[in-house]
Amino acid sequence: MTILRIPLTEAARRLKQIRQIAQDQGVVVLTNHDKPVLIVVEVERGKRLLEGTDHLAKLLVADNLLSFARAISAADEQRPGIDVDWIKQALRDLQADERAK
């Protein structure tokens, strides 16, 4: 997956296309003079990412075994693994772009 980059000035003209790409591909990076200024993420995918982050935060602050077990159980119910490959690829694409600059 390659992260699509769109100049910010074109964003207003291409909003319908941006929405479709975000839904199909999961992420669109809007740029201003080749610098990322906004990342558009499809709503459901964004919610899953935020929920996964919330579960991770609960794991990190768990102060006893019961709290830790509850956090793991909640994370397991949410199934964050669905987006693992997408997250890894998005991070690789962003890192590759940073190295290219």
N, C-alpha and C. Protein backbone atom coordinates (compact mmCIF):
# COMPACT_ATOMS: atom_id res chain seq x y z
N MET A 1 0.84 -1.17 0.00
CA MET A 1 0.00 0.00 0.00
C MET A 1 0.88 1.23 0.00
N THR A 2 0.59 2.16 -0.85
CA THR A 2 1.29 3.44 -0.89
C THR A 2 0.34 4.51 -0.37
N ILE A 3 0.85 5.36 0.48
CA ILE A 3 0.02 6.45 1.00
C ILE A 3 -0.08 7.52 -0.07
N LEU A 4 -1.29 7.86 -0.44
CA LEU A 4 -1.52 8.87 -1.46
C LEU A 4 -1.30 10.26 -0.87
N ARG A 5 -0.56 11.09 -1.57
CA ARG A 5 -0.30 12.46 -1.12
C ARG A 5 -0.97 13.42 -2.09
N ILE A 6 -1.70 14.39 -1.53
CA ILE A 6 -2.44 15.35 -2.34
C ILE A 6 -2.10 16.75 -1.83
N PRO A 7 -1.66 17.68 -2.72
CA PRO A 7 -1.41 19.05 -2.28
C PRO A 7 -2.67 19.65 -1.64
N LEU A 8 -2.48 20.36 -0.57
CA LEU A 8 -3.60 20.93 0.19
C LEU A 8 -4.49 21.82 -0.66
N THR A 9 -3.90 22.54 -1.60
CA THR A 9 -4.70 23.43 -2.46
C THR A 9 -5.69 22.67 -3.32
N GLU A 10 -5.37 21.41 -3.62
CA GLU A 10 -6.29 20.60 -4.42
C GLU A 10 -7.35 19.91 -3.58
N ALA A 11 -7.15 19.90 -2.27
CA ALA A 11 -8.05 19.16 -1.39
C ALA A 11 -9.51 19.60 -1.52
N ALA A 12 -9.74 20.90 -1.55
CA ALA A 12 -11.11 21.40 -1.66
C ALA A 12 -11.76 20.96 -2.97
N ARG A 13 -10.97 20.98 -4.04
CA ARG A 13 -11.51 20.58 -5.34
C ARG A 13 -11.75 19.08 -5.44
N ARG A 14 -11.04 18.33 -4.63
CA ARG A 14 -11.09 16.87 -4.76
C ARG A 14 -11.67 16.18 -3.53
N LEU A 15 -12.48 16.85 -2.75
CA LEU A 15 -12.97 16.30 -1.49
C LEU A 15 -13.71 14.98 -1.66
N LYS A 16 -14.54 14.86 -2.68
CA LYS A 16 -15.27 13.61 -2.91
C LYS A 16 -14.30 12.47 -3.17
N GLN A 17 -13.28 12.73 -3.99
CA GLN A 17 -12.28 11.71 -4.28
C GLN A 17 -11.47 11.35 -3.02
N ILE A 18 -11.14 12.34 -2.22
CA ILE A 18 -10.41 12.11 -0.98
C ILE A 18 -11.21 11.20 -0.05
N ARG A 19 -12.49 11.46 0.07
CA ARG A 19 -13.35 10.61 0.90
C ARG A 19 -13.35 9.18 0.39
N GLN A 20 -13.45 9.01 -0.91
CA GLN A 20 -13.48 7.66 -1.50
C GLN A 20 -12.15 6.94 -1.26
N ILE A 21 -11.04 7.64 -1.47
CA ILE A 21 -9.72 7.04 -1.25
C ILE A 21 -9.54 6.66 0.21
N ALA A 22 -9.96 7.53 1.13
CA ALA A 22 -9.85 7.23 2.55
C ALA A 22 -10.66 5.99 2.91
N GLN A 23 -11.82 5.85 2.30
CA GLN A 23 -12.66 4.68 2.57
C GLN A 23 -12.03 3.42 1.97
N ASP A 24 -11.52 3.51 0.75
CA ASP A 24 -10.95 2.36 0.07
C ASP A 24 -9.56 1.97 0.60
N GLN A 25 -8.69 2.96 0.76
CA GLN A 25 -7.29 2.70 1.12
C GLN A 25 -7.02 2.84 2.61
N GLY A 26 -7.88 3.57 3.32
CA GLY A 26 -7.69 3.72 4.76
C GLY A 26 -7.03 5.02 5.18
N VAL A 27 -6.18 5.58 4.33
CA VAL A 27 -5.47 6.80 4.75
C VAL A 27 -5.12 7.64 3.52
N VAL A 28 -5.20 8.96 3.70
CA VAL A 28 -4.76 9.93 2.70
C VAL A 28 -3.95 10.98 3.45
N VAL A 29 -2.77 11.33 2.93
CA VAL A 29 -1.95 12.37 3.54
C VAL A 29 -2.05 13.61 2.66
N LEU A 30 -2.58 14.69 3.20
CA LEU A 30 -2.64 15.96 2.47
C LEU A 30 -1.35 16.71 2.77
N THR A 31 -0.81 17.36 1.74
CA THR A 31 0.48 18.03 1.91
C THR A 31 0.40 19.51 1.56
N ASN A 32 1.35 20.24 2.07
CA ASN A 32 1.51 21.65 1.77
C ASN A 32 3.00 21.85 1.48
N HIS A 33 3.36 22.11 0.23
CA HIS A 33 4.76 22.24 -0.17
C HIS A 33 5.55 21.00 0.22
N ASP A 34 4.98 19.83 -0.10
CA ASP A 34 5.61 18.53 0.13
C ASP A 34 5.83 18.20 1.61
N LYS A 35 5.13 18.87 2.50
CA LYS A 35 5.21 18.55 3.92
C LYS A 35 3.80 18.11 4.37
N PRO A 36 3.70 16.95 5.05
CA PRO A 36 2.37 16.52 5.50
C PRO A 36 1.75 17.54 6.46
N VAL A 37 0.48 17.88 6.23
CA VAL A 37 -0.21 18.81 7.11
C VAL A 37 -1.47 18.19 7.70
N LEU A 38 -1.96 17.12 7.05
CA LEU A 38 -3.19 16.51 7.52
C LEU A 38 -3.26 15.07 7.04
N ILE A 39 -3.63 14.17 7.93
CA ILE A 39 -3.83 12.78 7.54
C ILE A 39 -5.32 12.49 7.71
N VAL A 40 -5.93 12.00 6.64
CA VAL A 40 -7.35 11.66 6.65
C VAL A 40 -7.46 10.14 6.79
N VAL A 41 -8.17 9.70 7.81
CA VAL A 41 -8.36 8.28 8.07
C VAL A 41 -9.85 7.98 8.05
N GLU A 42 -10.22 6.87 7.42
CA GLU A 42 -11.62 6.44 7.39
C GLU A 42 -12.11 6.29 8.83
N VAL A 43 -13.33 6.71 9.11
CA VAL A 43 -13.85 6.82 10.48
C VAL A 43 -13.77 5.52 11.26
N GLU A 44 -14.25 4.42 10.70
CA GLU A 44 -14.25 3.15 11.43
C GLU A 44 -12.83 2.69 11.75
N ARG A 45 -11.93 2.85 10.79
CA ARG A 45 -10.53 2.48 11.03
C ARG A 45 -9.92 3.37 12.11
N GLY A 46 -10.22 4.66 12.05
CA GLY A 46 -9.73 5.58 13.08
C GLY A 46 -10.24 5.22 14.46
N LYS A 47 -11.51 4.83 14.55
CA LYS A 47 -12.08 4.42 15.84
C LYS A 47 -11.36 3.18 16.37
N ARG A 48 -11.10 2.22 15.48
CA ARG A 48 -10.40 1.00 15.93
C ARG A 48 -8.98 1.33 16.40
N LEU A 49 -8.31 2.23 15.71
CA LEU A 49 -6.97 2.62 16.11
C LEU A 49 -6.97 3.31 17.48
N LEU A 50 -7.96 4.19 17.70
CA LEU A 50 -8.06 4.86 18.99
C LEU A 50 -8.41 3.89 20.11
N GLU A 51 -9.29 2.95 19.82
CA GLU A 51 -9.65 1.94 20.82
C GLU A 51 -8.43 1.09 21.17
N GLY A 52 -7.65 0.72 20.16
CA GLY A 52 -6.44 -0.05 20.41
C GLY A 52 -5.45 0.72 21.26
N THR A 53 -5.32 2.01 21.00
CA THR A 53 -4.43 2.85 21.80
C THR A 53 -4.92 2.94 23.23
N ASP A 54 -6.23 3.03 23.42
CA ASP A 54 -6.81 3.08 24.76
C ASP A 54 -6.51 1.79 25.52
N HIS A 55 -6.64 0.64 24.85
CA HIS A 55 -6.34 -0.65 25.49
C HIS A 55 -4.87 -0.73 25.89
N LEU A 56 -3.99 -0.26 25.00
CA LEU A 56 -2.56 -0.27 25.31
C LEU A 56 -2.26 0.61 26.52
N ALA A 57 -2.89 1.78 26.58
CA ALA A 57 -2.67 2.66 27.73
C ALA A 57 -3.13 1.99 29.03
N LYS A 58 -4.26 1.28 28.98
CA LYS A 58 -4.74 0.58 30.18
C LYS A 58 -3.78 -0.52 30.59
N LEU A 59 -3.18 -1.20 29.61
CA LEU A 59 -2.19 -2.23 29.94
C LEU A 59 -0.97 -1.61 30.62
N LEU A 60 -0.55 -0.45 30.12
CA LEU A 60 0.65 0.19 30.67
C LEU A 60 0.46 0.69 32.09
N VAL A 61 -0.76 1.08 32.45
CA VAL A 61 -0.98 1.62 33.79
C VAL A 61 -1.60 0.61 34.76
N ALA A 62 -1.81 -0.64 34.29
CA ALA A 62 -2.38 -1.66 35.17
C ALA A 62 -1.45 -1.88 36.36
N ASP A 63 -2.01 -1.75 37.55
CA ASP A 63 -1.18 -1.87 38.75
C ASP A 63 -1.36 -3.21 39.47
N ASN A 64 -2.21 -4.06 38.93
CA ASN A 64 -2.36 -5.39 39.51
C ASN A 64 -2.78 -6.38 38.43
N LEU A 65 -2.74 -7.63 38.76
CA LEU A 65 -3.03 -8.68 37.79
C LEU A 65 -4.46 -8.61 37.28
N LEU A 66 -5.40 -8.25 38.14
CA LEU A 66 -6.81 -8.17 37.73
C LEU A 66 -7.00 -7.05 36.69
N SER A 67 -6.42 -5.88 36.92
CA SER A 67 -6.52 -4.78 35.96
C SER A 67 -5.87 -5.16 34.63
N PHE A 68 -4.74 -5.85 34.70
CA PHE A 68 -4.05 -6.29 33.50
C PHE A 68 -4.91 -7.28 32.72
N ALA A 69 -5.52 -8.23 33.42
CA ALA A 69 -6.38 -9.23 32.78
C ALA A 69 -7.60 -8.58 32.13
N ARG A 70 -8.19 -7.58 32.80
CA ARG A 70 -9.34 -6.87 32.23
C ARG A 70 -8.94 -6.14 30.95
N ALA A 71 -7.78 -5.49 30.95
CA ALA A 71 -7.32 -4.75 29.77
C ALA A 71 -7.06 -5.71 28.61
N ILE A 72 -6.47 -6.86 28.90
CA ILE A 72 -6.22 -7.85 27.84
C ILE A 72 -7.54 -8.38 27.29
N SER A 73 -8.48 -8.65 28.17
CA SER A 73 -9.79 -9.16 27.75
C SER A 73 -10.51 -8.15 26.85
N ALA A 74 -10.48 -6.87 27.23
CA ALA A 74 -11.12 -5.83 26.43
C ALA A 74 -10.44 -5.70 25.07
N ALA A 75 -9.11 -5.78 25.05
CA ALA A 75 -8.38 -5.68 23.78
C ALA A 75 -8.69 -6.87 22.89
N ASP A 76 -8.83 -8.04 23.48
CA ASP A 76 -9.13 -9.24 22.70
C ASP A 76 -10.52 -9.16 22.07
N GLU A 77 -11.47 -8.61 22.80
CA GLU A 77 -12.83 -8.45 22.27
C GLU A 77 -12.86 -7.47 21.10
N GLN A 78 -12.02 -6.46 21.15
CA GLN A 78 -12.00 -5.42 20.12
C GLN A 78 -11.31 -5.90 18.84
N ARG A 79 -10.49 -6.91 18.90
CA ARG A 79 -9.78 -7.48 17.74
C ARG A 79 -8.92 -6.44 17.02
N PRO A 80 -7.94 -5.84 17.71
CA PRO A 80 -7.10 -4.84 17.06
C PRO A 80 -6.22 -5.41 15.96
N GLY A 81 -6.02 -6.73 15.94
CA GLY A 81 -5.17 -7.36 14.94
C GLY A 81 -5.64 -7.15 13.52
N ILE A 82 -6.87 -6.77 13.32
CA ILE A 82 -7.41 -6.55 11.99
C ILE A 82 -6.59 -5.51 11.24
N ASP A 83 -6.10 -4.49 11.93
CA ASP A 83 -5.38 -3.39 11.28
C ASP A 83 -3.87 -3.47 11.42
N VAL A 84 -3.34 -4.56 11.96
CA VAL A 84 -1.91 -4.63 12.21
C VAL A 84 -1.10 -4.45 10.92
N ASP A 85 -1.45 -5.19 9.87
CA ASP A 85 -0.70 -5.07 8.62
C ASP A 85 -0.82 -3.67 8.02
N TRP A 86 -2.02 -3.09 8.08
CA TRP A 86 -2.23 -1.74 7.56
C TRP A 86 -1.38 -0.73 8.34
N ILE A 87 -1.34 -0.86 9.66
CA ILE A 87 -0.57 0.07 10.49
C ILE A 87 0.92 -0.05 10.16
N LYS A 88 1.42 -1.28 10.07
CA LYS A 88 2.83 -1.48 9.76
C LYS A 88 3.19 -0.87 8.41
N GLN A 89 2.35 -1.10 7.40
CA GLN A 89 2.64 -0.57 6.07
C GLN A 89 2.58 0.96 6.06
N ALA A 90 1.60 1.54 6.75
CA ALA A 90 1.51 3.00 6.81
C ALA A 90 2.75 3.59 7.46
N LEU A 91 3.23 2.97 8.54
CA LEU A 91 4.45 3.46 9.20
C LEU A 91 5.66 3.32 8.28
N ARG A 92 5.77 2.20 7.56
CA ARG A 92 6.89 2.04 6.61
C ARG A 92 6.84 3.10 5.53
N ASP A 93 5.65 3.38 4.99
CA ASP A 93 5.52 4.40 3.95
C ASP A 93 5.90 5.78 4.46
N LEU A 94 5.46 6.11 5.67
CA LEU A 94 5.80 7.42 6.24
C LEU A 94 7.29 7.52 6.51
N GLN A 95 7.92 6.47 7.02
CA GLN A 95 9.35 6.48 7.29
C GLN A 95 10.15 6.58 6.00
N ALA A 96 9.72 5.86 4.97
CA ALA A 96 10.41 5.93 3.68
C ALA A 96 10.32 7.34 3.10
N ASP A 97 9.17 7.97 3.25
CA ASP A 97 9.01 9.33 2.75
C ASP A 97 9.91 10.30 3.51
N GLU A 98 10.04 10.12 4.82
CA GLU A 98 10.90 11.00 5.62
C GLU A 98 12.35 10.84 5.20
N ARG A 99 12.78 9.61 4.94
CA ARG A 99 14.17 9.38 4.52
C ARG A 99 14.44 9.98 3.14
N ALA A 100 13.42 10.01 2.28
CA ALA A 100 13.58 10.53 0.93
C ALA A 100 13.72 12.05 0.89
N LYS A 101 13.32 12.73 1.94
CA LYS A 101 13.37 14.21 1.96
C LYS A 101 14.73 14.73 2.27
